[in-house]
Amino acid sequence: MPQHKSAKKRMRTNARKRAYNRMNKSRMKTAIKDLRDTQDKTVAEEKYKDVTTILDRLATKGIIHKNTAANRKSKLAKFVQTLG
């Protein structure tokens, strides 16, 4: 357990950030799974827009790396294009 006042504050801050990051990563994963389960191309294109927005926002805030976001967007775009 922390002994100093600053260490206690750091623990509180880390707990808040960890909860925020977990919430956002979970939201991202759920949106990606929802997109992958879609069979209709028009619905998938709408969901793809939402997923790319989420990925870009997380990359901007540093929750995921920008290249990770780019790779996921690329793979999902390829998936949407294969739908018929």
PDB file of N, CA and C in Angstrom:
ATOM      1  N   MET A   1       0.839  -1.185   0.000  1.00  0.00           N
ATOM      2  CA  MET A   1       0.000   0.000   0.000  1.00  0.00           C
ATOM      3  C   MET A   1       0.885   1.249   0.000  1.00  0.00           C
ATOM      4  N   PRO A   2       0.424   2.271  -0.658  1.00  0.00           N
ATOM      5  CA  PRO A   2       1.232   3.500  -0.727  1.00  0.00           C
ATOM      6  C   PRO A   2       1.283   4.206   0.617  1.00  0.00           C
ATOM      7  N   GLN A   3       2.420   4.820   0.877  1.00  0.00           N
ATOM      8  CA  GLN A   3       2.622   5.532   2.136  1.00  0.00           C
ATOM      9  C   GLN A   3       2.489   7.041   1.961  1.00  0.00           C
ATOM     10  N   HIS A   4       2.864   7.522   0.796  1.00  0.00           N
ATOM     11  CA  HIS A   4       2.867   8.970   0.563  1.00  0.00           C
ATOM     12  C   HIS A   4       1.568   9.426  -0.068  1.00  0.00           C
ATOM     13  N   LYS A   5       1.266  10.682   0.165  1.00  0.00           N
ATOM     14  CA  LYS A   5       0.040  11.273  -0.359  1.00  0.00           C
ATOM     15  C   LYS A   5       0.008  11.220  -1.889  1.00  0.00           C
ATOM     16  N   SER A   6       1.136  11.510  -2.527  1.00  0.00           N
ATOM     17  CA  SER A   6       1.183  11.513  -3.992  1.00  0.00           C
ATOM     18  C   SER A   6       0.993  10.102  -4.558  1.00  0.00           C
ATOM     19  N   ALA A   7       1.488   9.095  -3.852  1.00  0.00           N
ATOM     20  CA  ALA A   7       1.338   7.710  -4.301  1.00  0.00           C
ATOM     21  C   ALA A   7      -0.118   7.266  -4.199  1.00  0.00           C
ATOM     22  N   LYS A   8      -0.803   7.723  -3.154  1.00  0.00           N
ATOM     23  CA  LYS A   8      -2.231   7.411  -3.017  1.00  0.00           C
ATOM     24  C   LYS A   8      -3.025   8.050  -4.145  1.00  0.00           C
ATOM     25  N   LYS A   9      -2.676   9.289  -4.466  1.00  0.00           N
ATOM     26  CA  LYS A   9      -3.352   9.980  -5.560  1.00  0.00           C
ATOM     27  C   LYS A   9      -3.075   9.269  -6.878  1.00  0.00           C
ATOM     28  N   ARG A  10      -1.839   8.824  -7.079  1.00  0.00           N
ATOM     29  CA  ARG A  10      -1.476   8.120  -8.300  1.00  0.00           C
ATOM     30  C   ARG A  10      -2.288   6.837  -8.435  1.00  0.00           C
ATOM     31  N   MET A  11      -2.527   6.135  -7.351  1.00  0.00           N
ATOM     32  CA  MET A  11      -3.342   4.919  -7.395  1.00  0.00           C
ATOM     33  C   MET A  11      -4.776   5.238  -7.828  1.00  0.00           C
ATOM     34  N   ARG A  12      -5.327   6.322  -7.280  1.00  0.00           N
ATOM     35  CA  ARG A  12      -6.691   6.708  -7.654  1.00  0.00           C
ATOM     36  C   ARG A  12      -6.756   7.083  -9.145  1.00  0.00           C
ATOM     37  N   THR A  13      -5.767   7.842  -9.595  1.00  0.00           N
ATOM     38  CA  THR A  13      -5.725   8.268 -10.994  1.00  0.00           C
ATOM     39  C   THR A  13      -5.598   7.063 -11.921  1.00  0.00           C
ATOM     40  N   ASN A  14      -4.705   6.137 -11.562  1.00  0.00           N
ATOM     41  CA  ASN A  14      -4.507   4.947 -12.388  1.00  0.00           C
ATOM     42  C   ASN A  14      -5.773   4.104 -12.464  1.00  0.00           C
ATOM     43  N   ALA A  15      -6.494   4.001 -11.354  1.00  0.00           N
ATOM     44  CA  ALA A  15      -7.733   3.223 -11.346  1.00  0.00           C
ATOM     45  C   ALA A  15      -8.765   3.846 -12.272  1.00  0.00           C
ATOM     46  N   ARG A  16      -8.870   5.186 -12.252  1.00  0.00           N
ATOM     47  CA  ARG A  16      -9.820   5.865 -13.133  1.00  0.00           C
ATOM     48  C   ARG A  16      -9.439   5.666 -14.599  1.00  0.00           C
ATOM     49  N   LYS A  17      -8.151   5.832 -14.906  1.00  0.00           N
ATOM     50  CA  LYS A  17      -7.695   5.681 -16.284  1.00  0.00           C
ATOM     51  C   LYS A  17      -7.877   4.248 -16.773  1.00  0.00           C
ATOM     52  N   ARG A  18      -7.592   3.271 -15.905  1.00  0.00           N
ATOM     53  CA  ARG A  18      -7.733   1.870 -16.278  1.00  0.00           C
ATOM     54  C   ARG A  18      -9.196   1.554 -16.605  1.00  0.00           C
ATOM     55  N   ALA A  19     -10.110   2.064 -15.789  1.00  0.00           N
ATOM     56  CA  ALA A  19     -11.534   1.837 -16.039  1.00  0.00           C
ATOM     57  C   ALA A  19     -11.969   2.488 -17.352  1.00  0.00           C
ATOM     58  N   TYR A  20     -11.493   3.704 -17.613  1.00  0.00           N
ATOM     59  CA  TYR A  20     -11.825   4.425 -18.841  1.00  0.00           C
ATOM     60  C   TYR A  20     -11.300   3.683 -20.063  1.00  0.00           C
ATOM     61  N   ASN A  21     -10.045   3.208 -19.985  1.00  0.00           N
ATOM     62  CA  ASN A  21      -9.439   2.495 -21.105  1.00  0.00           C
ATOM     63  C   ASN A  21     -10.136   1.163 -21.362  1.00  0.00           C
ATOM     64  N   ARG A  22     -10.477   0.445 -20.280  1.00  0.00           N
ATOM     65  CA  ARG A  22     -11.153  -0.841 -20.433  1.00  0.00           C
ATOM     66  C   ARG A  22     -12.521  -0.653 -21.061  1.00  0.00           C
ATOM     67  N   MET A  23     -13.238   0.394 -20.647  1.00  0.00           N
ATOM     68  CA  MET A  23     -14.556   0.669 -21.191  1.00  0.00           C
ATOM     69  C   MET A  23     -14.467   0.938 -22.693  1.00  0.00           C
ATOM     70  N   ASN A  24     -13.509   1.758 -23.083  1.00  0.00           N
ATOM     71  CA  ASN A  24     -13.374   2.114 -24.490  1.00  0.00           C
ATOM     72  C   ASN A  24     -12.910   0.935 -25.343  1.00  0.00           C
ATOM     73  N   LYS A  25     -11.969   0.133 -24.834  1.00  0.00           N
ATOM     74  CA  LYS A  25     -11.513  -1.031 -25.591  1.00  0.00           C
ATOM     75  C   LYS A  25     -12.635  -2.048 -25.743  1.00  0.00           C
ATOM     76  N   SER A  26     -13.436  -2.204 -24.707  1.00  0.00           N
ATOM     77  CA  SER A  26     -14.570  -3.117 -24.769  1.00  0.00           C
ATOM     78  C   SER A  26     -15.579  -2.640 -25.807  1.00  0.00           C
ATOM     79  N   ARG A  27     -15.832  -1.324 -25.836  1.00  0.00           N
ATOM     80  CA  ARG A  27     -16.745  -0.742 -26.812  1.00  0.00           C
ATOM     81  C   ARG A  27     -16.243  -0.987 -28.239  1.00  0.00           C
ATOM     82  N   MET A  28     -14.933  -0.848 -28.418  1.00  0.00           N
ATOM     83  CA  MET A  28     -14.321  -1.071 -29.724  1.00  0.00           C
ATOM     84  C   MET A  28     -14.487  -2.533 -30.157  1.00  0.00           C
ATOM     85  N   LYS A  29     -14.173  -3.454 -29.255  1.00  0.00           N
ATOM     86  CA  LYS A  29     -14.255  -4.876 -29.587  1.00  0.00           C
ATOM     87  C   LYS A  29     -15.690  -5.289 -29.907  1.00  0.00           C
ATOM     88  N   THR A  30     -16.645  -4.762 -29.144  1.00  0.00           N
ATOM     89  CA  THR A  30     -18.051  -5.078 -29.385  1.00  0.00           C
ATOM     90  C   THR A  30     -18.491  -4.567 -30.747  1.00  0.00           C
ATOM     91  N   ALA A  31     -18.081  -3.359 -31.102  1.00  0.00           N
ATOM     92  CA  ALA A  31     -18.454  -2.784 -32.393  1.00  0.00           C
ATOM     93  C   ALA A  31     -17.850  -3.596 -33.538  1.00  0.00           C
ATOM     94  N   ILE A  32     -16.607  -4.048 -33.377  1.00  0.00           N
ATOM     95  CA  ILE A  32     -15.952  -4.846 -34.418  1.00  0.00           C
ATOM     96  C   ILE A  32     -16.657  -6.186 -34.578  1.00  0.00           C
ATOM     97  N   LYS A  33     -16.997  -6.838 -33.449  1.00  0.00           N
ATOM     98  CA  LYS A  33     -17.701  -8.121 -33.519  1.00  0.00           C
ATOM     99  C   LYS A  33     -19.061  -7.953 -34.180  1.00  0.00           C
ATOM    100  N   ASP A  34     -19.737  -6.870 -33.851  1.00  0.00           N
ATOM    101  CA  ASP A  34     -21.049  -6.593 -34.438  1.00  0.00           C
ATOM    102  C   ASP A  34     -20.929  -6.418 -35.952  1.00  0.00           C
ATOM    103  N   LEU A  35     -19.886  -5.729 -36.383  1.00  0.00           N
ATOM    104  CA  LEU A  35     -19.655  -5.550 -37.819  1.00  0.00           C
ATOM    105  C   LEU A  35     -19.337  -6.882 -38.492  1.00  0.00           C
ATOM    106  N   ARG A  36     -18.509  -7.686 -37.872  1.00  0.00           N
ATOM    107  CA  ARG A  36     -18.118  -8.978 -38.449  1.00  0.00           C
ATOM    108  C   ARG A  36     -19.303  -9.932 -38.581  1.00  0.00           C
ATOM    109  N   ASP A  37     -20.299  -9.798 -37.687  1.00  0.00           N
ATOM    110  CA  ASP A  37     -21.465 -10.669 -37.733  1.00  0.00           C
ATOM    111  C   ASP A  37     -22.468 -10.259 -38.799  1.00  0.00           C
ATOM    112  N   THR A  38     -22.303  -9.089 -39.377  1.00  0.00           N
ATOM    113  CA  THR A  38     -23.246  -8.573 -40.359  1.00  0.00           C
ATOM    114  C   THR A  38     -23.056  -9.268 -41.700  1.00  0.00           C
ATOM    115  N   GLN A  39     -24.169  -9.577 -42.345  1.00  0.00           N
ATOM    116  CA  GLN A  39     -24.134 -10.222 -43.659  1.00  0.00           C
ATOM    117  C   GLN A  39     -24.564  -9.282 -44.783  1.00  0.00           C
ATOM    118  N   ASP A  40     -25.338  -8.256 -44.454  1.00  0.00           N
ATOM    119  CA  ASP A  40     -25.840  -7.313 -45.449  1.00  0.00           C
ATOM    120  C   ASP A  40     -24.807  -6.212 -45.682  1.00  0.00           C
ATOM    121  N   LYS A  41     -24.490  -5.952 -46.951  1.00  0.00           N
ATOM    122  CA  LYS A  41     -23.427  -4.999 -47.272  1.00  0.00           C
ATOM    123  C   LYS A  41     -23.785  -3.567 -46.890  1.00  0.00           C
ATOM    124  N   THR A  42     -25.025  -3.146 -47.125  1.00  0.00           N
ATOM    125  CA  THR A  42     -25.398  -1.759 -46.819  1.00  0.00           C
ATOM    126  C   THR A  42     -25.358  -1.496 -45.316  1.00  0.00           C
ATOM    127  N   VAL A  43     -25.814  -2.473 -44.540  1.00  0.00           N
ATOM    128  CA  VAL A  43     -25.756  -2.343 -43.075  1.00  0.00           C
ATOM    129  C   VAL A  43     -24.302  -2.347 -42.618  1.00  0.00           C
ATOM    130  N   ALA A  44     -23.503  -3.198 -43.239  1.00  0.00           N
ATOM    131  CA  ALA A  44     -22.089  -3.296 -42.876  1.00  0.00           C
ATOM    132  C   ALA A  44     -21.355  -1.987 -43.168  1.00  0.00           C
ATOM    133  N   GLU A  45     -21.703  -1.320 -44.261  1.00  0.00           N
ATOM    134  CA  GLU A  45     -21.051  -0.044 -44.582  1.00  0.00           C
ATOM    135  C   GLU A  45     -21.383   1.020 -43.539  1.00  0.00           C
ATOM    136  N   GLU A  46     -22.626   1.031 -43.065  1.00  0.00           N
ATOM    137  CA  GLU A  46     -23.008   1.980 -42.012  1.00  0.00           C
ATOM    138  C   GLU A  46     -22.253   1.680 -40.715  1.00  0.00           C
ATOM    139  N   LYS A  47     -22.187   0.400 -40.362  1.00  0.00           N
ATOM    140  CA  LYS A  47     -21.474   0.018 -39.142  1.00  0.00           C
ATOM    141  C   LYS A  47     -19.984   0.287 -39.272  1.00  0.00           C
ATOM    142  N   TYR A  48     -19.454   0.142 -40.485  1.00  0.00           N
ATOM    143  CA  TYR A  48     -18.028   0.393 -40.713  1.00  0.00           C
ATOM    144  C   TYR A  48     -17.690   1.854 -40.415  1.00  0.00           C
ATOM    145  N   LYS A  49     -18.577   2.766 -40.787  1.00  0.00           N
ATOM    146  CA  LYS A  49     -18.354   4.182 -40.488  1.00  0.00           C
ATOM    147  C   LYS A  49     -18.258   4.411 -38.985  1.00  0.00           C
ATOM    148  N   ASP A  50     -19.149   3.770 -38.229  1.00  0.00           N
ATOM    149  CA  ASP A  50     -19.128   3.915 -36.771  1.00  0.00           C
ATOM    150  C   ASP A  50     -17.849   3.334 -36.173  1.00  0.00           C
ATOM    151  N   VAL A  51     -17.445   2.167 -36.674  1.00  0.00           N
ATOM    152  CA  VAL A  51     -16.242   1.505 -36.148  1.00  0.00           C
ATOM    153  C   VAL A  51     -14.999   2.341 -36.442  1.00  0.00           C
ATOM    154  N   THR A  52     -14.915   2.891 -37.646  1.00  0.00           N
ATOM    155  CA  THR A  52     -13.740   3.705 -37.975  1.00  0.00           C
ATOM    156  C   THR A  52     -13.687   4.952 -37.100  1.00  0.00           C
ATOM    157  N   THR A  53     -14.836   5.526 -36.794  1.00  0.00           N
ATOM    158  CA  THR A  53     -14.867   6.678 -35.897  1.00  0.00           C
ATOM    159  C   THR A  53     -14.332   6.301 -34.519  1.00  0.00           C
ATOM    160  N   ILE A  54     -14.777   5.168 -34.014  1.00  0.00           N
ATOM    161  CA  ILE A  54     -14.316   4.706 -32.696  1.00  0.00           C
ATOM    162  C   ILE A  54     -12.812   4.453 -32.724  1.00  0.00           C
ATOM    163  N   LEU A  55     -12.327   3.766 -33.760  1.00  0.00           N
ATOM    164  CA  LEU A  55     -10.899   3.444 -33.849  1.00  0.00           C
ATOM    165  C   LEU A  55     -10.057   4.717 -33.940  1.00  0.00           C
ATOM    166  N   ASP A  56     -10.493   5.670 -34.748  1.00  0.00           N
ATOM    167  CA  ASP A  56      -9.743   6.919 -34.874  1.00  0.00           C
ATOM    168  C   ASP A  56      -9.696   7.678 -33.552  1.00  0.00           C
ATOM    169  N   ARG A  57     -10.819   7.697 -32.853  1.00  0.00           N
ATOM    170  CA  ARG A  57     -10.860   8.413 -31.578  1.00  0.00           C
ATOM    171  C   ARG A  57      -9.929   7.770 -30.555  1.00  0.00           C
ATOM    172  N   LEU A  58      -9.922   6.430 -30.509  1.00  0.00           N
ATOM    173  CA  LEU A  58      -9.045   5.741 -29.559  1.00  0.00           C
ATOM    174  C   LEU A  58      -7.577   5.939 -29.917  1.00  0.00           C
ATOM    175  N   ALA A  59      -7.276   5.976 -31.208  1.00  0.00           N
ATOM    176  CA  ALA A  59      -5.893   6.197 -31.627  1.00  0.00           C
ATOM    177  C   ALA A  59      -5.459   7.617 -31.289  1.00  0.00           C
ATOM    178  N   THR A  60      -6.353   8.573 -31.460  1.00  0.00           N
ATOM    179  CA  THR A  60      -6.031   9.969 -31.148  1.00  0.00           C
ATOM    180  C   THR A  60      -5.748  10.149 -29.658  1.00  0.00           C
ATOM    181  N   LYS A  61      -6.526   9.461 -28.837  1.00  0.00           N
ATOM    182  CA  LYS A  61      -6.368   9.598 -27.393  1.00  0.00           C
ATOM    183  C   LYS A  61      -5.261   8.724 -26.823  1.00  0.00           C
ATOM    184  N   GLY A  62      -4.665   7.881 -27.673  1.00  0.00           N
ATOM    185  CA  GLY A  62      -3.535   7.070 -27.233  1.00  0.00           C
ATOM    186  C   GLY A  62      -3.926   5.787 -26.545  1.00  0.00           C
ATOM    187  N   ILE A  63      -5.186   5.393 -26.647  1.00  0.00           N
ATOM    188  CA  ILE A  63      -5.620   4.159 -26.004  1.00  0.00           C
ATOM    189  C   ILE A  63      -5.141   2.957 -26.820  1.00  0.00           C
ATOM    190  N   ILE A  64      -5.152   3.094 -28.146  1.00  0.00           N
ATOM    191  CA  ILE A  64      -4.524   2.103 -29.017  1.00  0.00           C
ATOM    192  C   ILE A  64      -3.554   2.851 -29.930  1.00  0.00           C
ATOM    193  N   HIS A  65      -2.603   2.125 -30.477  1.00  0.00           N
ATOM    194  CA  HIS A  65      -1.615   2.743 -31.352  1.00  0.00           C
ATOM    195  C   HIS A  65      -2.265   3.080 -32.690  1.00  0.00           C
ATOM    196  N   LYS A  66      -1.768   4.123 -33.337  1.00  0.00           N
ATOM    197  CA  LYS A  66      -2.376   4.557 -34.603  1.00  0.00           C
ATOM    198  C   LYS A  66      -2.228   3.506 -35.688  1.00  0.00           C
ATOM    199  N   ASN A  67      -1.138   2.751 -35.679  1.00  0.00           N
ATOM    200  CA  ASN A  67      -0.975   1.698 -36.680  1.00  0.00           C
ATOM    201  C   ASN A  67      -1.932   0.532 -36.433  1.00  0.00           C
ATOM    202  N   THR A  68      -2.225   0.261 -35.171  1.00  0.00           N
ATOM    203  CA  THR A  68      -3.207  -0.767 -34.835  1.00  0.00           C
ATOM    204  C   THR A  68      -4.567  -0.373 -35.383  1.00  0.00           C
ATOM    205  N   ALA A  69      -4.919   0.886 -35.207  1.00  0.00           N
ATOM    206  CA  ALA A  69      -6.193   1.375 -35.728  1.00  0.00           C
ATOM    207  C   ALA A  69      -6.221   1.261 -37.251  1.00  0.00           C
ATOM    208  N   ALA A  70      -5.131   1.624 -37.898  1.00  0.00           N
ATOM    209  CA  ALA A  70      -5.065   1.566 -39.354  1.00  0.00           C
ATOM    210  C   ALA A  70      -5.184   0.126 -39.849  1.00  0.00           C
ATOM    211  N   ASN A  71      -4.503  -0.802 -39.181  1.00  0.00           N
ATOM    212  CA  ASN A  71      -4.570  -2.210 -39.578  1.00  0.00           C
ATOM    213  C   ASN A  71      -5.979  -2.761 -39.433  1.00  0.00           C
ATOM    214  N   ARG A  72      -6.627  -2.431 -38.323  1.00  0.00           N
ATOM    215  CA  ARG A  72      -7.986  -2.935 -38.100  1.00  0.00           C
ATOM    216  C   ARG A  72      -8.957  -2.344 -39.107  1.00  0.00           C
ATOM    217  N   LYS A  73      -8.806  -1.049 -39.405  1.00  0.00           N
ATOM    218  CA  LYS A  73      -9.685  -0.419 -40.390  1.00  0.00           C
ATOM    219  C   LYS A  73      -9.489  -1.060 -41.760  1.00  0.00           C
ATOM    220  N   SER A  74      -8.249  -1.354 -42.107  1.00  0.00           N
ATOM    221  CA  SER A  74      -7.951  -1.961 -43.400  1.00  0.00           C
ATOM    222  C   SER A  74      -8.583  -3.342 -43.513  1.00  0.00           C
ATOM    223  N   LYS A  75      -8.432  -4.157 -42.482  1.00  0.00           N
ATOM    224  CA  LYS A  75      -8.998  -5.503 -42.505  1.00  0.00           C
ATOM    225  C   LYS A  75     -10.525  -5.462 -42.556  1.00  0.00           C
ATOM    226  N   LEU A  76     -11.113  -4.530 -41.813  1.00  0.00           N
ATOM    227  CA  LEU A  76     -12.570  -4.419 -41.822  1.00  0.00           C
ATOM    228  C   LEU A  76     -13.080  -3.898 -43.162  1.00  0.00           C
ATOM    229  N   ALA A  77     -12.350  -2.994 -43.781  1.00  0.00           N
ATOM    230  CA  ALA A  77     -12.745  -2.492 -45.094  1.00  0.00           C
ATOM    231  C   ALA A  77     -12.718  -3.617 -46.115  1.00  0.00           C
ATOM    232  N   LYS A  78     -11.703  -4.450 -46.027  1.00  0.00           N
ATOM    233  CA  LYS A  78     -11.604  -5.599 -46.921  1.00  0.00           C
ATOM    234  C   LYS A  78     -12.774  -6.558 -46.698  1.00  0.00           C
ATOM    235  N   PHE A  79     -13.142  -6.741 -45.427  1.00  0.00           N
ATOM    236  CA  PHE A  79     -14.280  -7.603 -45.100  1.00  0.00           C
ATOM    237  C   PHE A  79     -15.572  -7.060 -45.689  1.00  0.00           C
ATOM    238  N   VAL A  80     -15.789  -5.757 -45.552  1.00  0.00           N
ATOM    239  CA  VAL A  80     -17.020  -5.135 -46.059  1.00  0.00           C
ATOM    240  C   VAL A  80     -17.083  -5.263 -47.578  1.00  0.00           C
ATOM    241  N   GLN A  81     -15.935  -5.137 -48.248  1.00  0.00           N
ATOM    242  CA  GLN A  81     -15.919  -5.231 -49.709  1.00  0.00           C
ATOM    243  C   GLN A  81     -16.233  -6.650 -50.199  1.00  0.00           C
ATOM    244  N   THR A  82     -15.934  -7.663 -49.386  1.00  0.00           N
ATOM    245  CA  THR A  82     -16.192  -9.032 -49.817  1.00  0.00           C
ATOM    246  C   THR A  82     -17.667  -9.411 -49.684  1.00  0.00           C
ATOM    247  N   LEU A  83     -18.420  -8.642 -48.910  1.00  0.00           N
ATOM    248  CA  LEU A  83     -19.847  -8.946 -48.762  1.00  0.00           C
ATOM    249  C   LEU A  83     -20.569  -8.695 -50.087  1.00  0.00           C
ATOM    250  N   GLY A  84     -21.554  -9.516 -50.361  1.00  0.00           N
ATOM    251  CA  GLY A  84     -22.253  -9.372 -51.615  1.00  0.00           C
ATOM    252  C   GLY A  84     -23.668  -9.216 -51.448  1.00  0.00           C
TER     253      GLY A  84
END
